Amino acid sequence: MKHLPITVVRNYVFGLVCTCVGAWLTEISASLLPLALGGAALVMATVPLVRAMRGIRSKHPERR
């Protein structure tokens, strides 16, 4: 298996950190908005990771 690009892994870890910070801010502020924003950042950071794992490099893969 080929190694994943470091930028993809770095983005994923950044998304995890955003989720943890959002959970901490939710605990402090009693608002679910920080957790929702952190979770959205994690989802956006997961897409390039999944594409790299599947070997999809282009933005618009062929439609079958």
PDB file of N, CA and C in Angstrom:
ATOM      1  N   MET A   1       0.846  -1.188   0.000  1.00  0.00           N
ATOM      2  CA  MET A   1       0.000   0.000   0.000  1.00  0.00           C
ATOM      3  C   MET A   1       0.883   1.241   0.000  1.00  0.00           C
ATOM      4  N   LYS A   2       0.533   2.194  -0.806  1.00  0.00           N
ATOM      5  CA  LYS A   2       1.283   3.443  -0.862  1.00  0.00           C
ATOM      6  C   LYS A   2       0.987   4.274   0.380  1.00  0.00           C
ATOM      7  N   HIS A   3       1.933   5.137   0.693  1.00  0.00           N
ATOM      8  CA  HIS A   3       1.743   6.032   1.830  1.00  0.00           C
ATOM      9  C   HIS A   3       0.817   7.174   1.441  1.00  0.00           C
ATOM     10  N   LEU A   4       0.060   7.641   2.411  1.00  0.00           N
ATOM     11  CA  LEU A   4      -0.832   8.776   2.182  1.00  0.00           C
ATOM     12  C   LEU A   4      -0.015  10.072   2.213  1.00  0.00           C
ATOM     13  N   PRO A   5      -0.420  11.064   1.419  1.00  0.00           N
ATOM     14  CA  PRO A   5       0.272  12.357   1.476  1.00  0.00           C
ATOM     15  C   PRO A   5       0.137  12.979   2.867  1.00  0.00           C
ATOM     16  N   ILE A   6       1.201  13.596   3.335  1.00  0.00           N
ATOM     17  CA  ILE A   6       1.216  14.154   4.687  1.00  0.00           C
ATOM     18  C   ILE A   6       0.192  15.270   4.849  1.00  0.00           C
ATOM     19  N   THR A   7      -0.099  16.015   3.782  1.00  0.00           N
ATOM     20  CA  THR A   7      -1.080  17.095   3.904  1.00  0.00           C
ATOM     21  C   THR A   7      -2.474  16.552   4.164  1.00  0.00           C
ATOM     22  N   VAL A   8      -2.788  15.395   3.597  1.00  0.00           N
ATOM     23  CA  VAL A   8      -4.109  14.787   3.810  1.00  0.00           C
ATOM     24  C   VAL A   8      -4.248  14.356   5.267  1.00  0.00           C
ATOM     25  N   VAL A   9      -3.217  13.738   5.793  1.00  0.00           N
ATOM     26  CA  VAL A   9      -3.255  13.293   7.189  1.00  0.00           C
ATOM     27  C   VAL A   9      -3.273  14.491   8.129  1.00  0.00           C
ATOM     28  N   ARG A  10      -2.522  15.527   7.785  1.00  0.00           N
ATOM     29  CA  ARG A  10      -2.496  16.735   8.611  1.00  0.00           C
ATOM     30  C   ARG A  10      -3.876  17.395   8.644  1.00  0.00           C
ATOM     31  N   ASN A  11      -4.551  17.453   7.507  1.00  0.00           N
ATOM     32  CA  ASN A  11      -5.900  18.025   7.475  1.00  0.00           C
ATOM     33  C   ASN A  11      -6.868  17.209   8.325  1.00  0.00           C
ATOM     34  N   TYR A  12      -6.746  15.881   8.276  1.00  0.00           N
ATOM     35  CA  TYR A  12      -7.628  15.036   9.067  1.00  0.00           C
ATOM     36  C   TYR A  12      -7.397  15.247  10.563  1.00  0.00           C
ATOM     37  N   VAL A  13      -6.142  15.320  10.964  1.00  0.00           N
ATOM     38  CA  VAL A  13      -5.834  15.561  12.381  1.00  0.00           C
ATOM     39  C   VAL A  13      -6.336  16.936  12.799  1.00  0.00           C
ATOM     40  N   PHE A  14      -6.218  17.923  11.920  1.00  0.00           N
ATOM     41  CA  PHE A  14      -6.748  19.254  12.222  1.00  0.00           C
ATOM     42  C   PHE A  14      -8.267  19.200  12.422  1.00  0.00           C
ATOM     43  N   GLY A  15      -8.964  18.393  11.603  1.00  0.00           N
ATOM     44  CA  GLY A  15     -10.407  18.229  11.779  1.00  0.00           C
ATOM     45  C   GLY A  15     -10.754  17.587  13.110  1.00  0.00           C
ATOM     46  N   LEU A  16      -9.950  16.603  13.525  1.00  0.00           N
ATOM     47  CA  LEU A  16     -10.173  15.990  14.842  1.00  0.00           C
ATOM     48  C   LEU A  16      -9.959  16.992  15.972  1.00  0.00           C
ATOM     49  N   VAL A  17      -8.931  17.826  15.819  1.00  0.00           N
ATOM     50  CA  VAL A  17      -8.667  18.847  16.837  1.00  0.00           C
ATOM     51  C   VAL A  17      -9.824  19.849  16.890  1.00  0.00           C
ATOM     52  N   CYS A  18     -10.348  20.223  15.728  1.00  0.00           N
ATOM     53  CA  CYS A  18     -11.498  21.150  15.699  1.00  0.00           C
ATOM     54  C   CYS A  18     -12.703  20.547  16.421  1.00  0.00           C
ATOM     55  N   THR A  19     -12.918  19.251  16.254  1.00  0.00           N
ATOM     56  CA  THR A  19     -14.034  18.599  16.928  1.00  0.00           C
ATOM     57  C   THR A  19     -13.822  18.578  18.440  1.00  0.00           C
ATOM     58  N   CYS A  20     -12.600  18.304  18.875  1.00  0.00           N
ATOM     59  CA  CYS A  20     -12.319  18.284  20.311  1.00  0.00           C
ATOM     60  C   CYS A  20     -12.457  19.671  20.927  1.00  0.00           C
ATOM     61  N   VAL A  21     -11.967  20.685  20.229  1.00  0.00           N
ATOM     62  CA  VAL A  21     -12.107  22.057  20.719  1.00  0.00           C
ATOM     63  C   VAL A  21     -13.582  22.455  20.744  1.00  0.00           C
ATOM     64  N   GLY A  22     -14.330  22.041  19.714  1.00  0.00           N
ATOM     65  CA  GLY A  22     -15.764  22.323  19.695  1.00  0.00           C
ATOM     66  C   GLY A  22     -16.494  21.661  20.838  1.00  0.00           C
ATOM     67  N   ALA A  23     -16.095  20.428  21.185  1.00  0.00           N
ATOM     68  CA  ALA A  23     -16.718  19.747  22.328  1.00  0.00           C
ATOM     69  C   ALA A  23     -16.390  20.464  23.632  1.00  0.00           C
ATOM     70  N   TRP A  24     -15.154  20.923  23.744  1.00  0.00           N
ATOM     71  CA  TRP A  24     -14.768  21.652  24.951  1.00  0.00           C
ATOM     72  C   TRP A  24     -15.537  22.971  25.064  1.00  0.00           C
ATOM     73  N   LEU A  25     -15.654  23.686  23.931  1.00  0.00           N
ATOM     74  CA  LEU A  25     -16.411  24.945  23.960  1.00  0.00           C
ATOM     75  C   LEU A  25     -17.898  24.710  24.211  1.00  0.00           C
ATOM     76  N   THR A  26     -18.414  23.578  23.766  1.00  0.00           N
ATOM     77  CA  THR A  26     -19.808  23.238  24.047  1.00  0.00           C
ATOM     78  C   THR A  26     -20.004  23.033  25.539  1.00  0.00           C
ATOM     79  N   GLU A  27     -19.038  22.385  26.179  1.00  0.00           N
ATOM     80  CA  GLU A  27     -19.111  22.178  27.624  1.00  0.00           C
ATOM     81  C   GLU A  27     -19.099  23.504  28.371  1.00  0.00           C
ATOM     82  N   ILE A  28     -18.292  24.443  27.909  1.00  0.00           N
ATOM     83  CA  ILE A  28     -18.167  25.738  28.588  1.00  0.00           C
ATOM     84  C   ILE A  28     -19.383  26.625  28.321  1.00  0.00           C
ATOM     85  N   SER A  29     -19.819  26.687  27.059  1.00  0.00           N
ATOM     86  CA  SER A  29     -20.846  27.667  26.696  1.00  0.00           C
ATOM     87  C   SER A  29     -22.272  27.110  26.719  1.00  0.00           C
ATOM     88  N   ALA A  30     -22.438  25.804  26.825  1.00  0.00           N
ATOM     89  CA  ALA A  30     -23.749  25.147  26.806  1.00  0.00           C
ATOM     90  C   ALA A  30     -24.489  25.400  25.491  1.00  0.00           C
ATOM     91  N   SER A  31     -23.735  25.627  24.428  1.00  0.00           N
ATOM     92  CA  SER A  31     -24.300  25.798  23.098  1.00  0.00           C
ATOM     93  C   SER A  31     -23.751  24.698  22.203  1.00  0.00           C
ATOM     94  N   LEU A  32     -24.575  24.148  21.348  1.00  0.00           N
ATOM     95  CA  LEU A  32     -24.132  23.074  20.466  1.00  0.00           C
ATOM     96  C   LEU A  32     -23.492  23.582  19.181  1.00  0.00           C
ATOM     97  N   LEU A  33     -23.499  24.882  18.965  1.00  0.00           N
ATOM     98  CA  LEU A  33     -22.929  25.446  17.751  1.00  0.00           C
ATOM     99  C   LEU A  33     -21.431  25.147  17.581  1.00  0.00           C
ATOM    100  N   PRO A  34     -20.592  25.289  18.620  1.00  0.00           N
ATOM    101  CA  PRO A  34     -19.169  24.971  18.423  1.00  0.00           C
ATOM    102  C   PRO A  34     -18.934  23.508  18.048  1.00  0.00           C
ATOM    103  N   LEU A  35     -19.693  22.604  18.625  1.00  0.00           N
ATOM    104  CA  LEU A  35     -19.540  21.190  18.299  1.00  0.00           C
ATOM    105  C   LEU A  35     -19.983  20.912  16.870  1.00  0.00           C
ATOM    106  N   ALA A  36     -21.049  21.564  16.443  1.00  0.00           N
ATOM    107  CA  ALA A  36     -21.517  21.382  15.070  1.00  0.00           C
ATOM    108  C   ALA A  36     -20.491  21.907  14.063  1.00  0.00           C
ATOM    109  N   LEU A  37     -19.882  23.045  14.358  1.00  0.00           N
ATOM    110  CA  LEU A  37     -18.867  23.599  13.460  1.00  0.00           C
ATOM    111  C   LEU A  37     -17.614  22.723  13.431  1.00  0.00           C
ATOM    112  N   GLY A  38     -17.225  22.201  14.581  1.00  0.00           N
ATOM    113  CA  GLY A  38     -16.080  21.298  14.624  1.00  0.00           C
ATOM    114  C   GLY A  38     -16.350  20.007  13.876  1.00  0.00           C
ATOM    115  N   GLY A  39     -17.558  19.472  14.011  1.00  0.00           N
ATOM    116  CA  GLY A  39     -17.928  18.268  13.277  1.00  0.00           C
ATOM    117  C   GLY A  39     -17.965  18.504  11.778  1.00  0.00           C
ATOM    118  N   ALA A  40     -18.426  19.675  11.364  1.00  0.00           N
ATOM    119  CA  ALA A  40     -18.443  20.002   9.932  1.00  0.00           C
ATOM    120  C   ALA A  40     -17.025  20.100   9.386  1.00  0.00           C
ATOM    121  N   ALA A  41     -16.119  20.659  10.171  1.00  0.00           N
ATOM    122  CA  ALA A  41     -14.721  20.736   9.742  1.00  0.00           C
ATOM    123  C   ALA A  41     -14.121  19.339   9.610  1.00  0.00           C
ATOM    124  N   LEU A  42     -14.495  18.440  10.514  1.00  0.00           N
ATOM    125  CA  LEU A  42     -13.983  17.071  10.433  1.00  0.00           C
ATOM    126  C   LEU A  42     -14.507  16.356   9.198  1.00  0.00           C
ATOM    127  N   VAL A  43     -15.767  16.549   8.875  1.00  0.00           N
ATOM    128  CA  VAL A  43     -16.327  15.922   7.673  1.00  0.00           C
ATOM    129  C   VAL A  43     -15.627  16.441   6.423  1.00  0.00           C
ATOM    130  N   MET A  44     -15.403  17.764   6.366  1.00  0.00           N
ATOM    131  CA  MET A  44     -14.718  18.326   5.199  1.00  0.00           C
ATOM    132  C   MET A  44     -13.273  17.850   5.100  1.00  0.00           C
ATOM    133  N   ALA A  45     -12.633  17.583   6.233  1.00  0.00           N
ATOM    134  CA  ALA A  45     -11.255  17.102   6.213  1.00  0.00           C
ATOM    135  C   ALA A  45     -11.180  15.609   5.929  1.00  0.00           C
ATOM    136  N   THR A  46     -12.276  14.882   6.118  1.00  0.00           N
ATOM    137  CA  THR A  46     -12.287  13.440   5.881  1.00  0.00           C
ATOM    138  C   THR A  46     -12.390  13.113   4.395  1.00  0.00           C
ATOM    139  N   VAL A  47     -13.034  13.960   3.618  1.00  0.00           N
ATOM    140  CA  VAL A  47     -13.228  13.687   2.189  1.00  0.00           C
ATOM    141  C   VAL A  47     -11.901  13.491   1.448  1.00  0.00           C
ATOM    142  N   PRO A  48     -10.903  14.376   1.601  1.00  0.00           N
ATOM    143  CA  PRO A  48      -9.630  14.130   0.915  1.00  0.00           C
ATOM    144  C   PRO A  48      -8.932  12.855   1.397  1.00  0.00           C
ATOM    145  N   LEU A  49      -9.110  12.513   2.672  1.00  0.00           N
ATOM    146  CA  LEU A  49      -8.505  11.296   3.197  1.00  0.00           C
ATOM    147  C   LEU A  49      -9.100  10.062   2.531  1.00  0.00           C
ATOM    148  N   VAL A  50     -10.414  10.032   2.413  1.00  0.00           N
ATOM    149  CA  VAL A  50     -11.078   8.895   1.773  1.00  0.00           C
ATOM    150  C   VAL A  50     -10.693   8.814   0.303  1.00  0.00           C
ATOM    151  N   ARG A  51     -10.624   9.955  -0.367  1.00  0.00           N
ATOM    152  CA  ARG A  51     -10.222   9.954  -1.776  1.00  0.00           C
ATOM    153  C   ARG A  51      -8.795   9.442  -1.941  1.00  0.00           C
ATOM    154  N   ALA A  52      -7.914   9.838  -1.047  1.00  0.00           N
ATOM    155  CA  ALA A  52      -6.532   9.375  -1.135  1.00  0.00           C
ATOM    156  C   ALA A  52      -6.439   7.879  -0.857  1.00  0.00           C
ATOM    157  N   MET A  53      -7.244   7.384   0.055  1.00  0.00           N
ATOM    158  CA  MET A  53      -7.231   5.962   0.363  1.00  0.00           C
ATOM    159  C   MET A  53      -7.794   5.140  -0.791  1.00  0.00           C
ATOM    160  N   ARG A  54      -8.762   5.685  -1.504  1.00  0.00           N
ATOM    161  CA  ARG A  54      -9.358   4.977  -2.637  1.00  0.00           C
ATOM    162  C   ARG A  54      -8.582   5.189  -3.928  1.00  0.00           C
ATOM    163  N   GLY A  55      -7.670   6.140  -3.926  1.00  0.00           N
ATOM    164  CA  GLY A  55      -6.870   6.393  -5.103  1.00  0.00           C
ATOM    165  C   GLY A  55      -7.508   7.349  -6.083  1.00  0.00           C
ATOM    166  N   ILE A  56      -8.532   8.060  -5.660  1.00  0.00           N
ATOM    167  CA  ILE A  56      -9.182   9.031  -6.535  1.00  0.00           C
ATOM    168  C   ILE A  56      -8.446  10.352  -6.395  1.00  0.00           C
ATOM    169  N   ARG A  57      -7.874  10.820  -7.475  1.00  0.00           N
ATOM    170  CA  ARG A  57      -7.103  12.056  -7.431  1.00  0.00           C
ATOM    171  C   ARG A  57      -7.842  13.233  -8.058  1.00  0.00           C
ATOM    172  N   SER A  58      -8.726  12.989  -9.009  1.00  0.00           N
ATOM    173  CA  SER A  58      -9.376  14.079  -9.708  1.00  0.00           C
ATOM    174  C   SER A  58     -10.586  14.573  -8.933  1.00  0.00           C
ATOM    175  N   LYS A  59     -10.987  15.812  -9.211  1.00  0.00           N
ATOM    176  CA  LYS A  59     -12.162  16.363  -8.561  1.00  0.00           C
ATOM    177  C   LYS A  59     -13.449  15.734  -9.082  1.00  0.00           C
ATOM    178  N   HIS A  60     -13.442  15.391 -10.357  1.00  0.00           N
ATOM    179  CA  HIS A  60     -14.649  14.848 -10.964  1.00  0.00           C
ATOM    180  C   HIS A  60     -14.328  13.479 -11.586  1.00  0.00           C
ATOM    181  N   PRO A  61     -14.453  12.427 -10.780  1.00  0.00           N
ATOM    182  CA  PRO A  61     -14.189  11.111 -11.349  1.00  0.00           C
ATOM    183  C   PRO A  61     -15.232  10.742 -12.396  1.00  0.00           C
ATOM    184  N   GLU A  62     -14.879   9.789 -13.233  1.00  0.00           N
ATOM    185  CA  GLU A  62     -15.813   9.361 -14.279  1.00  0.00           C
ATOM    186  C   GLU A  62     -17.113   8.858 -13.676  1.00  0.00           C
ATOM    187  N   ARG A  63     -18.194   9.215 -14.310  1.00  0.00           N
ATOM    188  CA  ARG A  63     -19.494   8.711 -13.885  1.00  0.00           C
ATOM    189  C   ARG A  63     -19.810   7.468 -14.671  1.00  0.00           C
ATOM    190  N   ARG A  64     -20.242   6.471 -13.996  1.00  0.00           N
ATOM    191  CA  ARG A  64     -20.544   5.214 -14.669  1.00  0.00           C
ATOM    192  C   ARG A  64     -22.011   4.930 -14.670  1.00  0.00           C
TER     193      ARG A  64
END
